[in-house]
Amino acid sequence: MADIARLIEIVEPEAQALGFELVRVIVFGKSEVGDEEVTLQVMAERPDTGQLVIEDCAALSHRISDRLDALEESGEVLIEEAYRLEVSSPGID
């Protein structure tokens, strides 16, 4: 399974660059969610509102995806198999 600490090292600066605070990074395996793919779930929020709007999620998703792709091209593969990137706000809870 993926190294969560390393993923946080990669994802957190991308969130901070957009002015967001990273809340959580989790990797769900196929059997855990009953899905066909592994899911990399990233939750972040704006410090002033505690939420993200859809445009924020899209911007962060693109930054994370581009960063992970660049690392993979340089030989560092953080998630071995096909995965889905899910970026969201933690919501009210």
Protein backbone atom coordinates (compact mmCIF):
# COMPACT_ATOMS: atom_id res chain seq x y z
CA MET A 1 0.00 0.00 0.00
CA ALA A 2 1.06 3.61 -0.45
CA ASP A 3 3.31 5.49 1.98
CA ILE A 4 0.90 8.01 3.55
CA ALA A 5 3.67 10.07 5.15
CA ARG A 6 5.33 10.52 1.75
CA LEU A 7 2.01 11.39 0.13
CA ILE A 8 1.43 14.06 2.78
CA GLU A 9 4.91 15.48 2.07
CA ILE A 10 3.87 15.83 -1.56
CA VAL A 11 0.26 16.97 -1.15
CA GLU A 12 0.58 19.45 1.73
CA PRO A 13 2.77 22.01 -0.12
CA GLU A 14 0.35 21.90 -3.05
CA ALA A 15 -2.57 22.69 -0.73
CA GLN A 16 -0.61 25.42 1.04
CA ALA A 17 0.35 27.01 -2.29
CA LEU A 18 -3.35 27.60 -2.88
CA GLY A 19 -3.89 28.93 0.65
CA PHE A 20 -5.57 25.76 1.94
CA GLU A 21 -4.93 23.68 5.04
CA LEU A 22 -4.58 19.95 4.55
CA VAL A 23 -7.06 18.04 6.71
CA ARG A 24 -6.56 14.42 5.69
CA VAL A 25 -4.86 12.10 3.20
CA ILE A 26 -6.11 8.52 3.01
CA VAL A 27 -5.63 5.71 0.53
CA PHE A 28 -8.51 3.24 0.34
CA GLY A 29 -7.82 -0.18 -1.11
CA LYS A 30 -10.16 -1.89 -3.53
CA SER A 31 -11.52 -4.32 -0.96
CA GLU A 32 -12.10 -1.58 1.60
CA VAL A 33 -14.56 0.32 -0.58
CA GLY A 34 -15.76 -2.46 -2.87
CA ASP A 35 -14.62 -0.56 -5.93
CA GLU A 36 -12.50 -1.40 -8.95
CA GLU A 37 -9.75 1.10 -8.14
CA VAL A 38 -7.70 2.34 -5.24
CA THR A 39 -8.73 5.84 -4.12
CA LEU A 40 -6.41 8.58 -2.92
CA GLN A 41 -8.67 10.83 -0.86
CA VAL A 42 -7.45 14.32 0.00
CA MET A 43 -9.43 16.68 2.22
CA ALA A 44 -8.48 20.31 2.63
CA GLU A 45 -10.16 23.54 3.67
CA ARG A 46 -9.80 27.27 3.54
CA PRO A 47 -8.67 28.45 6.99
CA ASP A 48 -11.19 31.31 7.02
CA THR A 49 -14.27 29.30 6.04
CA GLY A 50 -13.44 25.68 6.84
CA GLN A 51 -14.62 24.58 3.40
CA LEU A 52 -13.72 24.40 -0.28
CA VAL A 53 -15.86 25.23 -3.27
CA ILE A 54 -15.81 23.08 -6.39
CA GLU A 55 -13.32 25.38 -8.14
CA ASP A 56 -10.95 25.01 -5.17
CA CYS A 57 -11.23 21.23 -5.34
CA ALA A 58 -10.52 21.28 -9.07
CA ALA A 59 -7.47 23.53 -8.65
CA LEU A 60 -6.02 21.37 -5.89
CA SER A 61 -6.78 18.18 -7.81
CA HIS A 62 -4.89 19.47 -10.85
CA ARG A 63 -1.87 20.49 -8.75
CA ILE A 64 -1.72 17.13 -6.97
CA SER A 65 -2.20 15.18 -10.19
CA ASP A 66 0.51 17.14 -11.99
CA ARG A 67 2.92 16.68 -9.06
CA LEU A 68 2.29 12.94 -8.79
CA ASP A 69 2.67 12.55 -12.57
CA ALA A 70 6.01 14.42 -12.49
CA LEU A 71 7.29 12.22 -9.67
CA GLU A 72 6.22 9.10 -11.54
CA GLU A 73 8.03 10.30 -14.67
CA SER A 74 11.19 10.76 -12.58
CA GLY A 75 10.89 7.22 -11.23
CA GLU A 76 9.14 7.70 -7.89
CA VAL A 77 5.88 5.76 -7.97
CA LEU A 78 3.81 6.48 -4.86
CA ILE A 79 0.78 4.35 -5.73
CA GLU A 80 1.66 1.21 -7.64
CA GLU A 81 -1.67 0.57 -9.37
CA ALA A 82 -4.36 2.60 -11.08
CA TYR A 83 -6.05 4.94 -8.62
CA ARG A 84 -8.72 7.59 -8.40
CA LEU A 85 -7.86 11.00 -6.95
CA GLU A 86 -10.69 12.42 -4.84
CA VAL A 87 -10.31 15.97 -3.50
CA SER A 88 -12.96 17.42 -1.22
CA SER A 89 -13.80 19.55 1.77
CA PRO A 90 -14.25 17.78 5.10
CA GLY A 91 -17.72 19.30 5.32
CA ILE A 92 -19.58 20.24 8.46
CA ASP A 93 -18.07 17.52 10.62
